[in-house]
Amino acid sequence: MILTTTNSIEGHKIIEYKGIVTGISYNSTYDYKGKNISFSDLFNTKKRFEAYEVGIENIKEGAFQKLQENAVALNADAVVGIKVDIETIANSTILLVSVTGTAVKISL
């Protein structure tokens, strides 16, 4: 399946718009090199930011998987115009990633 942030796919023609699809993933646990981040590591800026980076990548991957599953359910070949939104939930440690795009059928 083709996933793209552009509104068209070079070399392919969109023949049918299937609808808007979304993938949402969230998590409140972060790890540092495979281990849960400890309380003392929260004060180590490098480890803390590395843990956030890994956490965001894992959550984002989950959101893209759900987006793709929702597109497949609509019998789509691709998703165009993808937008990624990364947010934190207020007063918590939860990161939320939302991925939205338009599922389409393309000429192969």
N, C-alpha and C. Protein backbone atom coordinates (compact mmCIF):
# COMPACT_ATOMS: atom_id res chain seq x y z
N MET A 1 0.85 -1.18 0.00
CA MET A 1 0.00 0.00 0.00
C MET A 1 0.89 1.24 0.00
N ILE A 2 0.50 2.20 -0.83
CA ILE A 2 1.24 3.46 -0.91
C ILE A 2 0.67 4.43 0.12
N LEU A 3 1.55 5.00 0.94
CA LEU A 3 1.16 6.02 1.91
C LEU A 3 1.96 7.27 1.58
N THR A 4 1.29 8.40 1.40
CA THR A 4 2.00 9.61 1.02
C THR A 4 1.34 10.86 1.59
N THR A 5 2.17 11.87 1.82
CA THR A 5 1.65 13.15 2.30
C THR A 5 1.17 14.03 1.15
N THR A 6 1.51 13.65 -0.07
CA THR A 6 1.08 14.43 -1.24
C THR A 6 -0.35 14.07 -1.61
N ASN A 7 -0.97 14.91 -2.45
CA ASN A 7 -2.35 14.66 -2.85
C ASN A 7 -2.47 13.84 -4.12
N SER A 8 -1.34 13.46 -4.70
CA SER A 8 -1.34 12.62 -5.89
C SER A 8 -0.16 11.66 -5.79
N ILE A 9 -0.18 10.66 -6.67
CA ILE A 9 0.89 9.67 -6.70
C ILE A 9 1.45 9.65 -8.11
N GLU A 10 2.70 10.02 -8.23
CA GLU A 10 3.33 10.11 -9.54
C GLU A 10 3.26 8.76 -10.25
N GLY A 11 2.81 8.78 -11.51
CA GLY A 11 2.72 7.56 -12.30
C GLY A 11 1.44 6.78 -12.10
N HIS A 12 0.57 7.26 -11.23
CA HIS A 12 -0.71 6.59 -10.98
C HIS A 12 -1.84 7.60 -11.04
N LYS A 13 -2.99 7.13 -11.44
CA LYS A 13 -4.18 7.98 -11.48
C LYS A 13 -5.15 7.51 -10.40
N ILE A 14 -5.65 8.46 -9.64
CA ILE A 14 -6.66 8.13 -8.64
C ILE A 14 -7.97 7.90 -9.39
N ILE A 15 -8.55 6.70 -9.23
CA ILE A 15 -9.78 6.39 -9.95
C ILE A 15 -11.01 6.39 -9.04
N GLU A 16 -10.77 6.33 -7.72
CA GLU A 16 -11.91 6.36 -6.80
C GLU A 16 -11.45 6.81 -5.42
N TYR A 17 -12.21 7.70 -4.83
CA TYR A 17 -11.96 8.14 -3.46
C TYR A 17 -12.82 7.28 -2.54
N LYS A 18 -12.19 6.60 -1.61
CA LYS A 18 -12.89 5.68 -0.72
C LYS A 18 -13.36 6.34 0.57
N GLY A 19 -12.68 7.39 0.99
CA GLY A 19 -13.07 8.08 2.22
C GLY A 19 -11.88 8.42 3.09
N ILE A 20 -12.15 9.17 4.12
CA ILE A 20 -11.12 9.59 5.07
C ILE A 20 -10.85 8.44 6.04
N VAL A 21 -9.57 8.18 6.27
CA VAL A 21 -9.19 7.14 7.22
C VAL A 21 -8.26 7.75 8.27
N THR A 22 -8.32 7.17 9.46
CA THR A 22 -7.53 7.67 10.58
C THR A 22 -6.89 6.50 11.31
N GLY A 23 -5.73 6.75 11.85
CA GLY A 23 -5.09 5.80 12.75
C GLY A 23 -4.67 6.57 13.99
N ILE A 24 -5.04 6.08 15.15
CA ILE A 24 -4.70 6.75 16.41
C ILE A 24 -4.01 5.76 17.32
N SER A 25 -2.93 6.21 17.94
CA SER A 25 -2.21 5.37 18.87
C SER A 25 -1.73 6.26 20.03
N TYR A 26 -1.66 5.68 21.21
CA TYR A 26 -1.20 6.45 22.36
C TYR A 26 -0.48 5.53 23.33
N ASN A 27 0.31 6.13 24.20
CA ASN A 27 1.02 5.38 25.20
C ASN A 27 1.54 6.34 26.26
N SER A 28 1.71 5.83 27.46
CA SER A 28 2.25 6.66 28.53
C SER A 28 3.55 6.10 29.08
N THR A 29 4.04 5.01 28.50
CA THR A 29 5.29 4.43 28.98
C THR A 29 6.36 4.66 27.94
N TYR A 30 7.51 5.06 28.39
CA TYR A 30 8.63 5.30 27.50
C TYR A 30 9.76 4.40 27.95
N ASP A 31 10.55 3.96 27.00
CA ASP A 31 11.69 3.14 27.38
C ASP A 31 12.98 3.74 26.84
N TYR A 32 14.05 3.34 27.47
CA TYR A 32 15.37 3.79 27.06
C TYR A 32 16.19 2.55 26.76
N LYS A 33 16.44 2.28 25.50
CA LYS A 33 17.20 1.11 25.04
C LYS A 33 16.59 -0.17 25.59
N GLY A 34 15.26 -0.30 25.47
CA GLY A 34 14.58 -1.52 25.87
C GLY A 34 14.18 -1.61 27.32
N LYS A 35 14.55 -0.64 28.14
CA LYS A 35 14.20 -0.67 29.55
C LYS A 35 13.29 0.52 29.86
N ASN A 36 12.35 0.30 30.78
CA ASN A 36 11.52 1.43 31.20
C ASN A 36 12.41 2.50 31.80
N ILE A 37 12.10 3.73 31.51
CA ILE A 37 12.90 4.84 32.01
C ILE A 37 12.67 4.96 33.53
N SER A 38 13.76 5.09 34.26
CA SER A 38 13.66 5.17 35.72
C SER A 38 13.40 6.61 36.16
N PHE A 39 13.03 6.75 37.40
CA PHE A 39 12.78 8.08 37.95
C PHE A 39 14.02 8.95 37.85
N SER A 40 15.18 8.38 38.18
CA SER A 40 16.42 9.17 38.13
C SER A 40 16.77 9.57 36.69
N ASP A 41 16.40 8.72 35.72
CA ASP A 41 16.67 9.05 34.31
C ASP A 41 15.83 10.23 33.84
N LEU A 42 14.73 10.49 34.51
CA LEU A 42 13.91 11.65 34.14
C LEU A 42 14.68 12.96 34.28
N PHE A 43 15.71 12.93 35.13
CA PHE A 43 16.52 14.13 35.35
C PHE A 43 17.76 14.16 34.46
N ASN A 44 17.95 13.10 33.67
CA ASN A 44 19.04 13.04 32.70
C ASN A 44 18.44 13.45 31.35
N THR A 45 18.70 14.67 30.94
CA THR A 45 18.06 15.24 29.75
C THR A 45 18.26 14.36 28.52
N LYS A 46 19.48 13.90 28.30
CA LYS A 46 19.75 13.08 27.12
C LYS A 46 18.92 11.81 27.12
N LYS A 47 18.91 11.08 28.23
CA LYS A 47 18.14 9.84 28.30
C LYS A 47 16.64 10.11 28.17
N ARG A 48 16.18 11.18 28.80
CA ARG A 48 14.76 11.51 28.75
C ARG A 48 14.34 11.79 27.31
N PHE A 49 15.11 12.61 26.59
CA PHE A 49 14.74 12.94 25.22
C PHE A 49 14.89 11.75 24.28
N GLU A 50 15.88 10.91 24.52
CA GLU A 50 16.01 9.69 23.72
C GLU A 50 14.81 8.78 23.95
N ALA A 51 14.35 8.69 25.19
CA ALA A 51 13.18 7.86 25.49
C ALA A 51 11.94 8.42 24.81
N TYR A 52 11.77 9.74 24.81
CA TYR A 52 10.63 10.35 24.12
C TYR A 52 10.70 10.06 22.63
N GLU A 53 11.90 10.16 22.07
CA GLU A 53 12.07 9.92 20.63
C GLU A 53 11.66 8.49 20.27
N VAL A 54 12.16 7.52 21.03
CA VAL A 54 11.81 6.12 20.78
C VAL A 54 10.31 5.92 20.99
N GLY A 55 9.78 6.52 22.05
CA GLY A 55 8.35 6.39 22.34
C GLY A 55 7.50 6.94 21.22
N ILE A 56 7.83 8.11 20.72
CA ILE A 56 7.06 8.72 19.64
C ILE A 56 7.13 7.86 18.39
N GLU A 57 8.31 7.35 18.06
CA GLU A 57 8.45 6.50 16.87
C GLU A 57 7.58 5.25 16.98
N ASN A 58 7.56 4.62 18.14
CA ASN A 58 6.74 3.41 18.34
C ASN A 58 5.26 3.73 18.26
N ILE A 59 4.85 4.82 18.88
CA ILE A 59 3.44 5.21 18.85
C ILE A 59 3.04 5.59 17.43
N LYS A 60 3.91 6.31 16.73
CA LYS A 60 3.62 6.71 15.34
C LYS A 60 3.48 5.49 14.44
N GLU A 61 4.34 4.51 14.62
CA GLU A 61 4.26 3.29 13.83
C GLU A 61 2.92 2.59 14.05
N GLY A 62 2.48 2.54 15.31
CA GLY A 62 1.17 1.95 15.61
C GLY A 62 0.04 2.69 14.94
N ALA A 63 0.12 4.02 14.91
CA ALA A 63 -0.93 4.83 14.27
C ALA A 63 -0.95 4.57 12.76
N PHE A 64 0.23 4.47 12.14
CA PHE A 64 0.29 4.18 10.70
C PHE A 64 -0.25 2.78 10.39
N GLN A 65 0.01 1.82 11.26
CA GLN A 65 -0.53 0.47 11.06
C GLN A 65 -2.06 0.49 11.08
N LYS A 66 -2.63 1.23 12.03
CA LYS A 66 -4.09 1.33 12.12
C LYS A 66 -4.67 2.07 10.93
N LEU A 67 -3.98 3.12 10.46
CA LEU A 67 -4.41 3.83 9.26
C LEU A 67 -4.46 2.88 8.07
N GLN A 68 -3.42 2.09 7.91
CA GLN A 68 -3.35 1.15 6.81
C GLN A 68 -4.45 0.09 6.92
N GLU A 69 -4.69 -0.43 8.11
CA GLU A 69 -5.75 -1.42 8.31
C GLU A 69 -7.11 -0.83 7.94
N ASN A 70 -7.35 0.42 8.31
CA ASN A 70 -8.63 1.06 7.98
C ASN A 70 -8.77 1.28 6.48
N ALA A 71 -7.66 1.58 5.79
CA ALA A 71 -7.69 1.75 4.34
C ALA A 71 -7.95 0.42 3.64
N VAL A 72 -7.33 -0.65 4.13
CA VAL A 72 -7.55 -1.98 3.56
C VAL A 72 -9.02 -2.38 3.72
N ALA A 73 -9.62 -2.05 4.85
CA ALA A 73 -11.03 -2.36 5.08
C ALA A 73 -11.94 -1.67 4.07
N LEU A 74 -11.48 -0.55 3.50
CA LEU A 74 -12.25 0.15 2.47
C LEU A 74 -11.85 -0.29 1.06
N ASN A 75 -10.98 -1.31 0.97
CA ASN A 75 -10.49 -1.83 -0.31
C ASN A 75 -9.71 -0.77 -1.08
N ALA A 76 -8.90 0.00 -0.38
CA ALA A 76 -8.09 1.05 -1.00
C ALA A 76 -6.71 0.51 -1.35
N ASP A 77 -6.09 1.15 -2.35
CA ASP A 77 -4.73 0.80 -2.75
C ASP A 77 -3.69 1.75 -2.14
N ALA A 78 -4.14 2.93 -1.72
CA ALA A 78 -3.22 3.96 -1.24
C ALA A 78 -3.95 4.91 -0.30
N VAL A 79 -3.16 5.68 0.43
CA VAL A 79 -3.69 6.77 1.25
C VAL A 79 -2.88 8.01 0.89
N VAL A 80 -3.59 9.07 0.48
CA VAL A 80 -2.93 10.32 0.07
C VAL A 80 -3.27 11.43 1.06
N GLY A 81 -2.48 12.50 1.01
CA GLY A 81 -2.75 13.67 1.85
C GLY A 81 -2.62 13.39 3.33
N ILE A 82 -1.70 12.53 3.70
CA ILE A 82 -1.56 12.15 5.11
C ILE A 82 -1.04 13.32 5.94
N LYS A 83 -1.68 13.51 7.07
CA LYS A 83 -1.26 14.50 8.07
C LYS A 83 -1.00 13.76 9.38
N VAL A 84 0.08 14.13 10.05
CA VAL A 84 0.46 13.51 11.32
C VAL A 84 0.37 14.56 12.42
N ASP A 85 -0.31 14.21 13.50
CA ASP A 85 -0.45 15.12 14.63
C ASP A 85 0.04 14.40 15.89
N ILE A 86 0.99 15.01 16.58
CA ILE A 86 1.53 14.43 17.81
C ILE A 86 1.22 15.40 18.95
N GLU A 87 0.55 14.87 19.98
CA GLU A 87 0.14 15.72 21.10
C GLU A 87 0.36 15.00 22.42
N THR A 88 0.41 15.79 23.46
CA THR A 88 0.40 15.24 24.81
C THR A 88 -0.97 15.53 25.41
N ILE A 89 -1.40 14.62 26.26
CA ILE A 89 -2.66 14.83 26.97
C ILE A 89 -2.35 15.67 28.20
N ALA A 90 -3.11 16.71 28.40
CA ALA A 90 -2.85 17.66 29.50
C ALA A 90 -2.79 16.94 30.85
N ASN A 91 -1.85 17.37 31.67
CA ASN A 91 -1.67 16.87 33.03
C ASN A 91 -1.42 15.37 33.09
N SER A 92 -0.76 14.82 32.07
CA SER A 92 -0.43 13.40 32.09
C SER A 92 0.86 13.17 31.31
N THR A 93 1.30 11.93 31.28
CA THR A 93 2.48 11.59 30.50
C THR A 93 2.10 10.88 29.20
N ILE A 94 0.85 10.97 28.81
CA ILE A 94 0.38 10.26 27.63
C ILE A 94 0.70 11.04 26.36
N LEU A 95 1.33 10.35 25.40
CA LEU A 95 1.54 10.90 24.07
C LEU A 95 0.50 10.29 23.14
N LEU A 96 -0.06 11.11 22.26
CA LEU A 96 -1.09 10.68 21.33
C LEU A 96 -0.63 11.03 19.92
N VAL A 97 -0.69 10.06 19.02
CA VAL A 97 -0.36 10.31 17.62
C VAL A 97 -1.60 9.98 16.80
N SER A 98 -2.01 10.94 15.98
CA SER A 98 -3.14 10.77 15.09
C SER A 98 -2.66 10.96 13.66
N VAL A 99 -3.00 10.01 12.79
CA VAL A 99 -2.61 10.05 11.39
C VAL A 99 -3.88 9.98 10.57
N THR A 100 -4.09 10.96 9.67
CA THR A 100 -5.31 11.04 8.88
C THR A 100 -4.97 11.26 7.41
N GLY A 101 -5.72 10.61 6.54
CA GLY A 101 -5.52 10.77 5.11
C GLY A 101 -6.76 10.33 4.34
N THR A 102 -6.67 10.38 3.03
CA THR A 102 -7.78 9.97 2.17
C THR A 102 -7.43 8.64 1.50
N ALA A 103 -8.24 7.64 1.74
CA ALA A 103 -8.06 6.32 1.12
C ALA A 103 -8.54 6.40 -0.32
N VAL A 104 -7.74 5.88 -1.24
CA VAL A 104 -8.07 5.95 -2.67
C VAL A 104 -7.79 4.62 -3.35
N LYS A 105 -8.46 4.44 -4.48
CA LYS A 105 -8.18 3.34 -5.40
C LYS A 105 -7.41 3.96 -6.55
N ILE A 106 -6.30 3.35 -6.95
CA ILE A 106 -5.48 3.92 -8.02
C ILE A 106 -5.36 2.93 -9.18
N SER A 107 -5.05 3.46 -10.35
CA SER A 107 -4.76 2.60 -11.50
C SER A 107 -3.35 2.07 -11.34
N LEU A 108 -3.19 0.78 -11.52
CA LEU A 108 -1.87 0.18 -11.31
C LEU A 108 -1.09 0.07 -12.57
